[in-house]
């Protein structure tokens, strides 16, 4: 999930208010209507120009990301244990999980 990965690295996020994205980002991102170009522009403008909003989103993201990071890493570890090591896709996915957990520790 790119919004979650961005949040894990400390980047303020502007994301769509559809699908599962509101659940993923919680109140730690600026949500916009993806069908409305003016709403998208407003979200980007707000996150760029409003220092207080940007700081608050960065603060909130730490809380939001923690639960997902643990689950994300745990799933990767579980797959590495339960799947045969020579299955390329699973092994690669597990290695990706381990790499991602090391890149932006939360």
PDB file of N, CA and C in Angstrom:
ATOM      1  N   UNK A   1       0.824  -1.181   0.000  1.00  0.00           N
ATOM      2  CA  UNK A   1       0.000   0.000   0.000  1.00  0.00           C
ATOM      3  C   UNK A   1       0.876   1.255   0.000  1.00  0.00           C
ATOM      4  N   UNK A   2       0.961   1.928  -1.098  1.00  0.00           N
ATOM      5  CA  UNK A   2       1.794   3.131  -1.170  1.00  0.00           C
ATOM      6  C   UNK A   2       1.481   4.201  -0.115  1.00  0.00           C
ATOM      7  N   UNK A   3       0.201   4.505   0.198  1.00  0.00           N
ATOM      8  CA  UNK A   3      -0.014   5.518   1.233  1.00  0.00           C
ATOM      9  C   UNK A   3       0.573   5.107   2.583  1.00  0.00           C
ATOM     10  N   UNK A   4       0.446   3.849   2.930  1.00  0.00           N
ATOM     11  CA  UNK A   4       0.980   3.361   4.201  1.00  0.00           C
ATOM     12  C   UNK A   4       2.508   3.388   4.196  1.00  0.00           C
ATOM     13  N   UNK A   5       3.103   3.020   3.070  1.00  0.00           N
ATOM     14  CA  UNK A   5       4.562   3.066   2.963  1.00  0.00           C
ATOM     15  C   UNK A   5       5.070   4.494   3.083  1.00  0.00           C
ATOM     16  N   UNK A   6       4.377   5.430   2.441  1.00  0.00           N
ATOM     17  CA  UNK A   6       4.772   6.840   2.540  1.00  0.00           C
ATOM     18  C   UNK A   6       4.663   7.317   3.983  1.00  0.00           C
ATOM     19  N   UNK A   7       3.581   6.944   4.648  1.00  0.00           N
ATOM     20  CA  UNK A   7       3.397   7.334   6.044  1.00  0.00           C
ATOM     21  C   UNK A   7       4.494   6.737   6.916  1.00  0.00           C
ATOM     22  N   UNK A   8       4.878   5.504   6.638  1.00  0.00           N
ATOM     23  CA  UNK A   8       5.921   4.841   7.426  1.00  0.00           C
ATOM     24  C   UNK A   8       7.256   5.571   7.309  1.00  0.00           C
ATOM     25  N   UNK A   9       7.463   6.237   6.192  1.00  0.00           N
ATOM     26  CA  UNK A   9       8.713   6.977   5.975  1.00  0.00           C
ATOM     27  C   UNK A   9       8.604   8.438   6.405  1.00  0.00           C
ATOM     28  N   UNK A  10       7.466   8.833   6.979  1.00  0.00           N
ATOM     29  CA  UNK A  10       7.314  10.187   7.492  1.00  0.00           C
ATOM     30  C   UNK A  10       6.809  11.209   6.502  1.00  0.00           C
ATOM     31  N   UNK A  11       6.288  10.761   5.383  1.00  0.00           N
ATOM     32  CA  UNK A  11       5.783  11.669   4.361  1.00  0.00           C
ATOM     33  C   UNK A  11       4.305  11.962   4.588  1.00  0.00           C
ATOM     34  N   UNK A  12       3.907  13.225   4.594  1.00  0.00           N
ATOM     35  CA  UNK A  12       2.481  13.536   4.687  1.00  0.00           C
ATOM     36  C   UNK A  12       1.762  12.993   3.451  1.00  0.00           C
ATOM     37  N   UNK A  13       0.553  12.492   3.632  1.00  0.00           N
ATOM     38  CA  UNK A  13      -0.150  11.794   2.556  1.00  0.00           C
ATOM     39  C   UNK A  13      -1.455  12.493   2.199  1.00  0.00           C
ATOM     40  N   UNK A  14      -1.696  12.613   0.891  1.00  0.00           N
ATOM     41  CA  UNK A  14      -2.990  13.009   0.350  1.00  0.00           C
ATOM     42  C   UNK A  14      -3.473  11.784  -0.411  1.00  0.00           C
ATOM     43  N   UNK A  15      -4.665  11.281  -0.070  1.00  0.00           N
ATOM     44  CA  UNK A  15      -5.145  10.055  -0.694  1.00  0.00           C
ATOM     45  C   UNK A  15      -6.642  10.140  -0.969  1.00  0.00           C
ATOM     46  N   UNK A  16      -7.118   9.217  -1.784  1.00  0.00           N
ATOM     47  CA  UNK A  16      -8.533   9.167  -2.140  1.00  0.00           C
ATOM     48  C   UNK A  16      -9.372   8.707  -0.955  1.00  0.00           C
ATOM     49  N   UNK A  17     -10.609   9.178  -0.918  1.00  0.00           N
ATOM     50  CA  UNK A  17     -11.520   8.802   0.168  1.00  0.00           C
ATOM     51  C   UNK A  17     -12.429   7.649  -0.249  1.00  0.00           C
ATOM     52  N   UNK A  18     -11.921   6.759  -1.080  1.00  0.00           N
ATOM     53  CA  UNK A  18     -12.698   5.623  -1.575  1.00  0.00           C
ATOM     54  C   UNK A  18     -11.970   4.317  -1.276  1.00  0.00           C
ATOM     55  N   UNK A  19     -12.660   3.214  -1.527  1.00  0.00           N
ATOM     56  CA  UNK A  19     -12.111   1.874  -1.364  1.00  0.00           C
ATOM     57  C   UNK A  19     -11.688   1.660   0.093  1.00  0.00           C
ATOM     58  N   UNK A  20     -10.558   1.013   0.295  1.00  0.00           N
ATOM     59  CA  UNK A  20     -10.094   0.737   1.656  1.00  0.00           C
ATOM     60  C   UNK A  20      -9.144   1.806   2.168  1.00  0.00           C
ATOM     61  N   UNK A  21      -8.846   2.807   1.360  1.00  0.00           N
ATOM     62  CA  UNK A  21      -7.865   3.813   1.754  1.00  0.00           C
ATOM     63  C   UNK A  21      -8.226   4.566   3.038  1.00  0.00           C
ATOM     64  N   UNK A  22      -9.488   4.979   3.247  1.00  0.00           N
ATOM     65  CA  UNK A  22      -9.790   5.651   4.514  1.00  0.00           C
ATOM     66  C   UNK A  22      -9.495   4.778   5.733  1.00  0.00           C
ATOM     67  N   UNK A  23      -9.736   3.493   5.620  1.00  0.00           N
ATOM     68  CA  UNK A  23      -9.453   2.579   6.728  1.00  0.00           C
ATOM     69  C   UNK A  23      -7.947   2.460   6.958  1.00  0.00           C
ATOM     70  N   UNK A  24      -7.193   2.430   5.876  1.00  0.00           N
ATOM     71  CA  UNK A  24      -5.750   2.272   5.981  1.00  0.00           C
ATOM     72  C   UNK A  24      -5.091   3.504   6.594  1.00  0.00           C
ATOM     73  N   UNK A  25      -5.454   4.685   6.118  1.00  0.00           N
ATOM     74  CA  UNK A  25      -4.779   5.897   6.587  1.00  0.00           C
ATOM     75  C   UNK A  25      -5.413   6.500   7.832  1.00  0.00           C
ATOM     76  N   UNK A  26      -6.648   6.125   8.138  1.00  0.00           N
ATOM     77  CA  UNK A  26      -7.319   6.676   9.316  1.00  0.00           C
ATOM     78  C   UNK A  26      -7.408   8.186   9.249  1.00  0.00           C
ATOM     79  N   UNK A  27      -7.062   8.837  10.345  1.00  0.00           N
ATOM     80  CA  UNK A  27      -7.104  10.299  10.358  1.00  0.00           C
ATOM     81  C   UNK A  27      -5.711  10.899  10.181  1.00  0.00           C
ATOM     82  N   UNK A  28      -4.791  10.108   9.634  1.00  0.00           N
ATOM     83  CA  UNK A  28      -3.409  10.546   9.478  1.00  0.00           C
ATOM     84  C   UNK A  28      -3.077  10.991   8.059  1.00  0.00           C
ATOM     85  N   UNK A  29      -4.091  11.283   7.263  1.00  0.00           N
ATOM     86  CA  UNK A  29      -3.863  11.753   5.894  1.00  0.00           C
ATOM     87  C   UNK A  29      -4.983  12.701   5.496  1.00  0.00           C
ATOM     88  N   UNK A  30      -4.704  13.497   4.497  1.00  0.00           N
ATOM     89  CA  UNK A  30      -5.739  14.361   3.927  1.00  0.00           C
ATOM     90  C   UNK A  30      -6.432  13.532   2.852  1.00  0.00           C
ATOM     91  N   UNK A  31      -7.745  13.359   2.990  1.00  0.00           N
ATOM     92  CA  UNK A  31      -8.497  12.554   2.027  1.00  0.00           C
ATOM     93  C   UNK A  31      -9.260  13.457   1.077  1.00  0.00           C
ATOM     94  N   UNK A  32      -9.268  13.060  -0.210  1.00  0.00           N
ATOM     95  CA  UNK A  32      -9.913  13.849  -1.253  1.00  0.00           C
ATOM     96  C   UNK A  32     -10.786  12.952  -2.125  1.00  0.00           C
ATOM     97  N   UNK A  33     -11.707  13.583  -2.815  1.00  0.00           N
ATOM     98  CA  UNK A  33     -12.543  12.879  -3.782  1.00  0.00           C
ATOM     99  C   UNK A  33     -11.725  12.710  -5.063  1.00  0.00           C
ATOM    100  N   UNK A  34     -11.406  11.477  -5.468  1.00  0.00           N
ATOM    101  CA  UNK A  34     -10.551  11.273  -6.632  1.00  0.00           C
ATOM    102  C   UNK A  34     -11.212  11.666  -7.959  1.00  0.00           C
ATOM    103  N   UNK A  35     -12.507  11.883  -7.949  1.00  0.00           N
ATOM    104  CA  UNK A  35     -13.212  12.274  -9.165  1.00  0.00           C
ATOM    105  C   UNK A  35     -13.307  13.789  -9.311  1.00  0.00           C
ATOM    106  N   UNK A  36     -12.794  14.528  -8.342  1.00  0.00           N
ATOM    107  CA  UNK A  36     -12.911  15.984  -8.349  1.00  0.00           C
ATOM    108  C   UNK A  36     -11.518  16.604  -8.341  1.00  0.00           C
ATOM    109  N   UNK A  37     -11.099  17.116  -9.481  1.00  0.00           N
ATOM    110  CA  UNK A  37      -9.755  17.668  -9.612  1.00  0.00           C
ATOM    111  C   UNK A  37      -9.527  18.841  -8.662  1.00  0.00           C
ATOM    112  N   UNK A  38     -10.568  19.605  -8.367  1.00  0.00           N
ATOM    113  CA  UNK A  38     -10.421  20.738  -7.451  1.00  0.00           C
ATOM    114  C   UNK A  38     -10.204  20.256  -6.017  1.00  0.00           C
ATOM    115  N   UNK A  39     -10.838  19.165  -5.645  1.00  0.00           N
ATOM    116  CA  UNK A  39     -10.633  18.591  -4.316  1.00  0.00           C
ATOM    117  C   UNK A  39      -9.219  18.033  -4.185  1.00  0.00           C
ATOM    118  N   UNK A  40      -8.732  17.404  -5.234  1.00  0.00           N
ATOM    119  CA  UNK A  40      -7.354  16.886  -5.230  1.00  0.00           C
ATOM    120  C   UNK A  40      -6.371  18.051  -5.082  1.00  0.00           C
ATOM    121  N   UNK A  41      -6.595  19.105  -5.863  1.00  0.00           N
ATOM    122  CA  UNK A  41      -5.721  20.282  -5.785  1.00  0.00           C
ATOM    123  C   UNK A  41      -5.767  20.904  -4.390  1.00  0.00           C
ATOM    124  N   UNK A  42      -6.969  20.967  -3.786  1.00  0.00           N
ATOM    125  CA  UNK A  42      -7.111  21.507  -2.439  1.00  0.00           C
ATOM    126  C   UNK A  42      -6.306  20.691  -1.434  1.00  0.00           C
ATOM    127  N   UNK A  43      -6.403  19.362  -1.539  1.00  0.00           N
ATOM    128  CA  UNK A  43      -5.666  18.501  -0.618  1.00  0.00           C
ATOM    129  C   UNK A  43      -4.165  18.676  -0.730  1.00  0.00           C
ATOM    130  N   UNK A  44      -3.681  18.739  -1.957  1.00  0.00           N
ATOM    131  CA  UNK A  44      -2.244  18.936  -2.171  1.00  0.00           C
ATOM    132  C   UNK A  44      -1.817  20.307  -1.664  1.00  0.00           C
ATOM    133  N   UNK A  45      -2.604  21.337  -1.993  1.00  0.00           N
ATOM    134  CA  UNK A  45      -2.291  22.699  -1.549  1.00  0.00           C
ATOM    135  C   UNK A  45      -2.251  22.761  -0.020  1.00  0.00           C
ATOM    136  N   UNK A  46      -3.256  22.173   0.616  1.00  0.00           N
ATOM    137  CA  UNK A  46      -3.320  22.222   2.082  1.00  0.00           C
ATOM    138  C   UNK A  46      -2.108  21.561   2.726  1.00  0.00           C
ATOM    139  N   UNK A  47      -1.729  20.405   2.235  1.00  0.00           N
ATOM    140  CA  UNK A  47      -0.613  19.680   2.854  1.00  0.00           C
ATOM    141  C   UNK A  47       0.721  20.378   2.596  1.00  0.00           C
ATOM    142  N   UNK A  48       0.814  21.093   1.470  1.00  0.00           N
ATOM    143  CA  UNK A  48       2.050  21.809   1.155  1.00  0.00           C
ATOM    144  C   UNK A  48       2.173  23.144   1.883  1.00  0.00           C
ATOM    145  N   UNK A  49       1.069  23.854   2.008  1.00  0.00           N
ATOM    146  CA  UNK A  49       1.133  25.224   2.523  1.00  0.00           C
ATOM    147  C   UNK A  49       0.774  25.377   3.998  1.00  0.00           C
ATOM    148  N   UNK A  50       0.045  24.435   4.557  1.00  0.00           N
ATOM    149  CA  UNK A  50      -0.387  24.545   5.948  1.00  0.00           C
ATOM    150  C   UNK A  50       0.579  23.759   6.849  1.00  0.00           C
ATOM    151  N   UNK A  51       1.529  24.481   7.416  1.00  0.00           N
ATOM    152  CA  UNK A  51       2.567  23.845   8.241  1.00  0.00           C
ATOM    153  C   UNK A  51       1.974  23.097   9.432  1.00  0.00           C
ATOM    154  N   UNK A  52       0.951  23.674  10.064  1.00  0.00           N
ATOM    155  CA  UNK A  52       0.327  23.021  11.222  1.00  0.00           C
ATOM    156  C   UNK A  52      -0.349  21.712  10.809  1.00  0.00           C
ATOM    157  N   UNK A  53      -1.043  21.710   9.682  1.00  0.00           N
ATOM    158  CA  UNK A  53      -1.692  20.495   9.181  1.00  0.00           C
ATOM    159  C   UNK A  53      -0.650  19.434   8.853  1.00  0.00           C
ATOM    160  N   UNK A  54       0.411  19.829   8.152  1.00  0.00           N
ATOM    161  CA  UNK A  54       1.453  18.883   7.779  1.00  0.00           C
ATOM    162  C   UNK A  54       2.099  18.261   9.017  1.00  0.00           C
ATOM    163  N   UNK A  55       2.395  19.077  10.001  1.00  0.00           N
ATOM    164  CA  UNK A  55       2.991  18.580  11.242  1.00  0.00           C
ATOM    165  C   UNK A  55       2.044  17.615  11.950  1.00  0.00           C
ATOM    166  N   UNK A  56       0.766  17.948  11.995  1.00  0.00           N
ATOM    167  CA  UNK A  56      -0.220  17.083  12.647  1.00  0.00           C
ATOM    168  C   UNK A  56      -0.360  15.744  11.909  1.00  0.00           C
ATOM    169  N   UNK A  57      -0.355  15.763  10.588  1.00  0.00           N
ATOM    170  CA  UNK A  57      -0.463  14.523   9.812  1.00  0.00           C
ATOM    171  C   UNK A  57       0.759  13.635  10.059  1.00  0.00           C
ATOM    172  N   UNK A  58       1.918  14.241  10.139  1.00  0.00           N
ATOM    173  CA  UNK A  58       3.142  13.472  10.412  1.00  0.00           C
ATOM    174  C   UNK A  58       3.076  12.867  11.813  1.00  0.00           C
ATOM    175  N   UNK A  59       2.564  13.629  12.781  1.00  0.00           N
ATOM    176  CA  UNK A  59       2.443  13.113  14.149  1.00  0.00           C
ATOM    177  C   UNK A  59       1.453  11.949  14.201  1.00  0.00           C
ATOM    178  N   UNK A  60       0.314  12.112  13.557  1.00  0.00           N
ATOM    179  CA  UNK A  60      -0.715  11.066  13.580  1.00  0.00           C
ATOM    180  C   UNK A  60      -0.276   9.800  12.853  1.00  0.00           C
ATOM    181  N   UNK A  61       0.534   9.951  11.836  1.00  0.00           N
ATOM    182  CA  UNK A  61       0.930   8.782  11.042  1.00  0.00           C
ATOM    183  C   UNK A  61       1.706   7.773  11.873  1.00  0.00           C
ATOM    184  N   UNK A  62       2.459   8.232  12.849  1.00  0.00           N
ATOM    185  CA  UNK A  62       3.230   7.308  13.682  1.00  0.00           C
ATOM    186  C   UNK A  62       2.311   6.322  14.389  1.00  0.00           C
ATOM    187  N   UNK A  63       1.202   6.801  14.891  1.00  0.00           N
ATOM    188  CA  UNK A  63       0.237   5.933  15.580  1.00  0.00           C
ATOM    189  C   UNK A  63      -0.446   5.005  14.582  1.00  0.00           C
ATOM    190  N   UNK A  64      -0.846   5.540  13.436  1.00  0.00           N
ATOM    191  CA  UNK A  64      -1.581   4.754  12.440  1.00  0.00           C
ATOM    192  C   UNK A  64      -0.725   3.637  11.852  1.00  0.00           C
ATOM    193  N   UNK A  65       0.522   3.924  11.609  1.00  0.00           N
ATOM    194  CA  UNK A  65       1.401   2.969  10.915  1.00  0.00           C
ATOM    195  C   UNK A  65       1.811   1.807  11.802  1.00  0.00           C
ATOM    196  N   UNK A  66       1.943   2.037  13.085  1.00  0.00           N
ATOM    197  CA  UNK A  66       2.473   0.991  13.970  1.00  0.00           C
ATOM    198  C   UNK A  66       1.711  -0.324  13.864  1.00  0.00           C
ATOM    199  N   UNK A  67       0.400  -0.281  13.919  1.00  0.00           N
ATOM    200  CA  UNK A  67      -0.380  -1.516  13.842  1.00  0.00           C
ATOM    201  C   UNK A  67      -0.209  -2.234  12.521  1.00  0.00           C
ATOM    202  N   UNK A  68      -0.155  -1.489  11.437  1.00  0.00           N
ATOM    203  CA  UNK A  68       0.007  -2.096  10.123  1.00  0.00           C
ATOM    204  C   UNK A  68       1.412  -2.630   9.927  1.00  0.00           C
ATOM    205  N   UNK A  69       2.404  -1.946  10.431  1.00  0.00           N
ATOM    206  CA  UNK A  69       3.786  -2.406  10.262  1.00  0.00           C
ATOM    207  C   UNK A  69       3.972  -3.775  10.913  1.00  0.00           C
ATOM    208  N   UNK A  70       3.464  -3.929  12.108  1.00  0.00           N
ATOM    209  CA  UNK A  70       3.624  -5.211  12.789  1.00  0.00           C
ATOM    210  C   UNK A  70       2.951  -6.327  12.004  1.00  0.00           C
ATOM    211  N   UNK A  71       1.725  -6.059  11.557  1.00  0.00           N
ATOM    212  CA  UNK A  71       0.981  -7.076  10.818  1.00  0.00           C
ATOM    213  C   UNK A  71       1.671  -7.380   9.491  1.00  0.00           C
ATOM    214  N   UNK A  72       2.113  -6.345   8.788  1.00  0.00           N
ATOM    215  CA  UNK A  72       2.766  -6.486   7.489  1.00  0.00           C
ATOM    216  C   UNK A  72       4.023  -7.333   7.623  1.00  0.00           C
ATOM    217  N   UNK A  73       4.852  -7.024   8.603  1.00  0.00           N
ATOM    218  CA  UNK A  73       6.090  -7.776   8.823  1.00  0.00           C
ATOM    219  C   UNK A  73       5.799  -9.196   9.274  1.00  0.00           C
ATOM    220  N   UNK A  74       4.811  -9.342  10.147  1.00  0.00           N
ATOM    221  CA  UNK A  74       4.476 -10.672  10.647  1.00  0.00           C
ATOM    222  C   UNK A  74       3.988 -11.577   9.520  1.00  0.00           C
ATOM    223  N   UNK A  75       3.199 -11.045   8.601  1.00  0.00           N
ATOM    224  CA  UNK A  75       2.728 -11.855   7.478  1.00  0.00           C
ATOM    225  C   UNK A  75       3.893 -12.325   6.627  1.00  0.00           C
ATOM    226  N   UNK A  76       4.852 -11.438   6.400  1.00  0.00           N
ATOM    227  CA  UNK A  76       6.026 -11.820   5.616  1.00  0.00           C
ATOM    228  C   UNK A  76       6.827 -12.903   6.300  1.00  0.00           C
ATOM    229  N   UNK A  77       7.001 -12.783   7.605  1.00  0.00           N
ATOM    230  CA  UNK A  77       7.735 -13.792   8.352  1.00  0.00           C
ATOM    231  C   UNK A  77       6.994 -15.128   8.342  1.00  0.00           C
ATOM    232  N   UNK A  78       5.681 -15.077   8.506  1.00  0.00           N
ATOM    233  CA  UNK A  78       4.879 -16.298   8.513  1.00  0.00           C
ATOM    234  C   UNK A  78       4.997 -17.019   7.169  1.00  0.00           C
ATOM    235  N   UNK A  79       4.934 -16.259   6.085  1.00  0.00           N
ATOM    236  CA  UNK A  79       5.048 -16.880   4.766  1.00  0.00           C
ATOM    237  C   UNK A  79       6.407 -17.542   4.585  1.00  0.00           C
ATOM    238  N   UNK A  80       7.445 -16.897   5.113  1.00  0.00           N
ATOM    239  CA  UNK A  80       8.780 -17.474   4.997  1.00  0.00           C
ATOM    240  C   UNK A  80       8.920 -18.779   5.763  1.00  0.00           C
ATOM    241  N   UNK A  81       8.167 -18.915   6.833  1.00  0.00           N
ATOM    242  CA  UNK A  81       8.239 -20.128   7.652  1.00  0.00           C
ATOM    243  C   UNK A  81       7.367 -21.239   7.077  1.00  0.00           C
ATOM    244  N   UNK A  82       6.153 -20.898   6.615  1.00  0.00           N
ATOM    245  CA  UNK A  82       5.206 -21.927   6.202  1.00  0.00           C
ATOM    246  C   UNK A  82       5.350 -22.375   4.756  1.00  0.00           C
ATOM    247  N   UNK A  83       5.973 -21.576   3.899  1.00  0.00           N
ATOM    248  CA  UNK A  83       6.123 -21.949   2.493  1.00  0.00           C
ATOM    249  C   UNK A  83       7.496 -22.544   2.239  1.00  0.00           C
ATOM    250  N   UNK A  84       7.590 -23.502   1.326  1.00  0.00           N
ATOM    251  CA  UNK A  84       8.900 -24.060   0.976  1.00  0.00           C
ATOM    252  C   UNK A  84       9.830 -22.948   0.490  1.00  0.00           C
ATOM    253  N   UNK A  85      11.091 -22.983   0.873  1.00  0.00           N
ATOM    254  CA  UNK A  85      12.005 -21.890   0.555  1.00  0.00           C
ATOM    255  C   UNK A  85      12.319 -21.731  -0.928  1.00  0.00           C
ATOM    256  N   UNK A  86      12.101 -22.750  -1.734  1.00  0.00           N
ATOM    257  CA  UNK A  86      12.456 -22.658  -3.147  1.00  0.00           C
ATOM    258  C   UNK A  86      11.337 -22.164  -4.040  1.00  0.00           C
ATOM    259  N   UNK A  87      10.227 -21.733  -3.474  1.00  0.00           N
ATOM    260  CA  UNK A  87       9.148 -21.174  -4.278  1.00  0.00           C
ATOM    261  C   UNK A  87       9.460 -19.700  -4.494  1.00  0.00           C
ATOM    262  N   UNK A  88       9.895 -19.373  -5.692  1.00  0.00           N
ATOM    263  CA  UNK A  88      10.396 -18.035  -6.005  1.00  0.00           C
ATOM    264  C   UNK A  88       9.497 -16.900  -5.583  1.00  0.00           C
ATOM    265  N   UNK A  89       8.195 -16.951  -5.896  1.00  0.00           N
ATOM    266  CA  UNK A  89       7.310 -15.829  -5.589  1.00  0.00           C
ATOM    267  C   UNK A  89       7.230 -15.601  -4.091  1.00  0.00           C
ATOM    268  N   UNK A  90       6.997 -16.665  -3.337  1.00  0.00           N
ATOM    269  CA  UNK A  90       6.863 -16.514  -1.889  1.00  0.00           C
ATOM    270  C   UNK A  90       8.177 -16.044  -1.267  1.00  0.00           C
ATOM    271  N   UNK A  91       9.248 -16.614  -1.698  1.00  0.00           N
ATOM    272  CA  UNK A  91      10.531 -16.231  -1.139  1.00  0.00           C
ATOM    273  C   UNK A  91      10.821 -14.757  -1.439  1.00  0.00           C
ATOM    274  N   UNK A  92      10.561 -14.353  -2.655  1.00  0.00           N
ATOM    275  CA  UNK A  92      10.788 -12.972  -3.035  1.00  0.00           C
ATOM    276  C   UNK A  92       9.893 -12.044  -2.222  1.00  0.00           C
ATOM    277  N   UNK A  93       8.633 -12.430  -2.042  1.00  0.00           N
ATOM    278  CA  UNK A  93       7.702 -11.604  -1.269  1.00  0.00           C
ATOM    279  C   UNK A  93       8.184 -11.487   0.169  1.00  0.00           C
ATOM    280  N   UNK A  94       8.659 -12.581   0.748  1.00  0.00           N
ATOM    281  CA  UNK A  94       9.158 -12.556   2.119  1.00  0.00           C
ATOM    282  C   UNK A  94      10.385 -11.656   2.216  1.00  0.00           C
ATOM    283  N   UNK A  95      11.270 -11.778   1.257  1.00  0.00           N
ATOM    284  CA  UNK A  95      12.454 -10.930   1.261  1.00  0.00           C
ATOM    285  C   UNK A  95      12.065  -9.455   1.148  1.00  0.00           C
ATOM    286  N   UNK A  96      11.039  -9.180   0.347  1.00  0.00           N
ATOM    287  CA  UNK A  96      10.552  -7.804   0.219  1.00  0.00           C
ATOM    288  C   UNK A  96      10.021  -7.305   1.557  1.00  0.00           C
ATOM    289  N   UNK A  97       9.282  -8.156   2.283  1.00  0.00           N
ATOM    290  CA  UNK A  97       8.757  -7.768   3.590  1.00  0.00           C
ATOM    291  C   UNK A  97       9.907  -7.435   4.537  1.00  0.00           C
ATOM    292  N   UNK A  98      10.917  -8.289   4.573  1.00  0.00           N
ATOM    293  CA  UNK A  98      12.047  -8.059   5.463  1.00  0.00           C
ATOM    294  C   UNK A  98      12.765  -6.769   5.093  1.00  0.00           C
ATOM    295  N   UNK A  99      12.951  -6.533   3.800  1.00  0.00           N
ATOM    296  CA  UNK A  99      13.604  -5.311   3.342  1.00  0.00           C
ATOM    297  C   UNK A  99      12.784  -4.085   3.726  1.00  0.00           C
ATOM    298  N   UNK A 100      11.476  -4.124   3.493  1.00  0.00           N
ATOM    299  CA  UNK A 100      10.619  -2.990   3.788  1.00  0.00           C
ATOM    300  C   UNK A 100      10.573  -2.689   5.285  1.00  0.00           C
ATOM    301  N   UNK A 101      10.631  -3.730   6.100  1.00  0.00           N
ATOM    302  CA  UNK A 101      10.617  -3.508   7.542  1.00  0.00           C
ATOM    303  C   UNK A 101      11.900  -2.847   8.010  1.00  0.00           C
ATOM    304  N   UNK A 102      12.995  -3.078   7.299  1.00  0.00           N
ATOM    305  CA  UNK A 102      14.283  -2.511   7.684  1.00  0.00           C
ATOM    306  C   UNK A 102      14.453  -1.084   7.158  1.00  0.00           C
ATOM    307  N   UNK A 103      13.784  -0.733   6.072  1.00  0.00           N
ATOM    308  CA  UNK A 103      13.978   0.570   5.451  1.00  0.00           C
ATOM    309  C   UNK A 103      13.468   1.709   6.324  1.00  0.00           C
ATOM    310  N   UNK A 104      12.245   1.635   6.760  1.00  0.00           N
ATOM    311  CA  UNK A 104      11.619   2.716   7.523  1.00  0.00           C
ATOM    312  C   UNK A 104      11.095   2.208   8.850  1.00  0.00           C
ATOM    313  N   UNK A 105      11.970   1.894   9.793  1.00  0.00           N
ATOM    314  CA  UNK A 105      11.478   1.360  11.063  1.00  0.00           C
ATOM    315  C   UNK A 105      10.627   2.382  11.785  1.00  0.00           C
ATOM    316  N   UNK A 106       9.543   1.894  12.372  1.00  0.00           N
ATOM    317  CA  UNK A 106       8.636   2.771  13.102  1.00  0.00           C
ATOM    318  C   UNK A 106       8.630   2.382  14.554  1.00  0.00           C
TER     319      UNK A 106
END
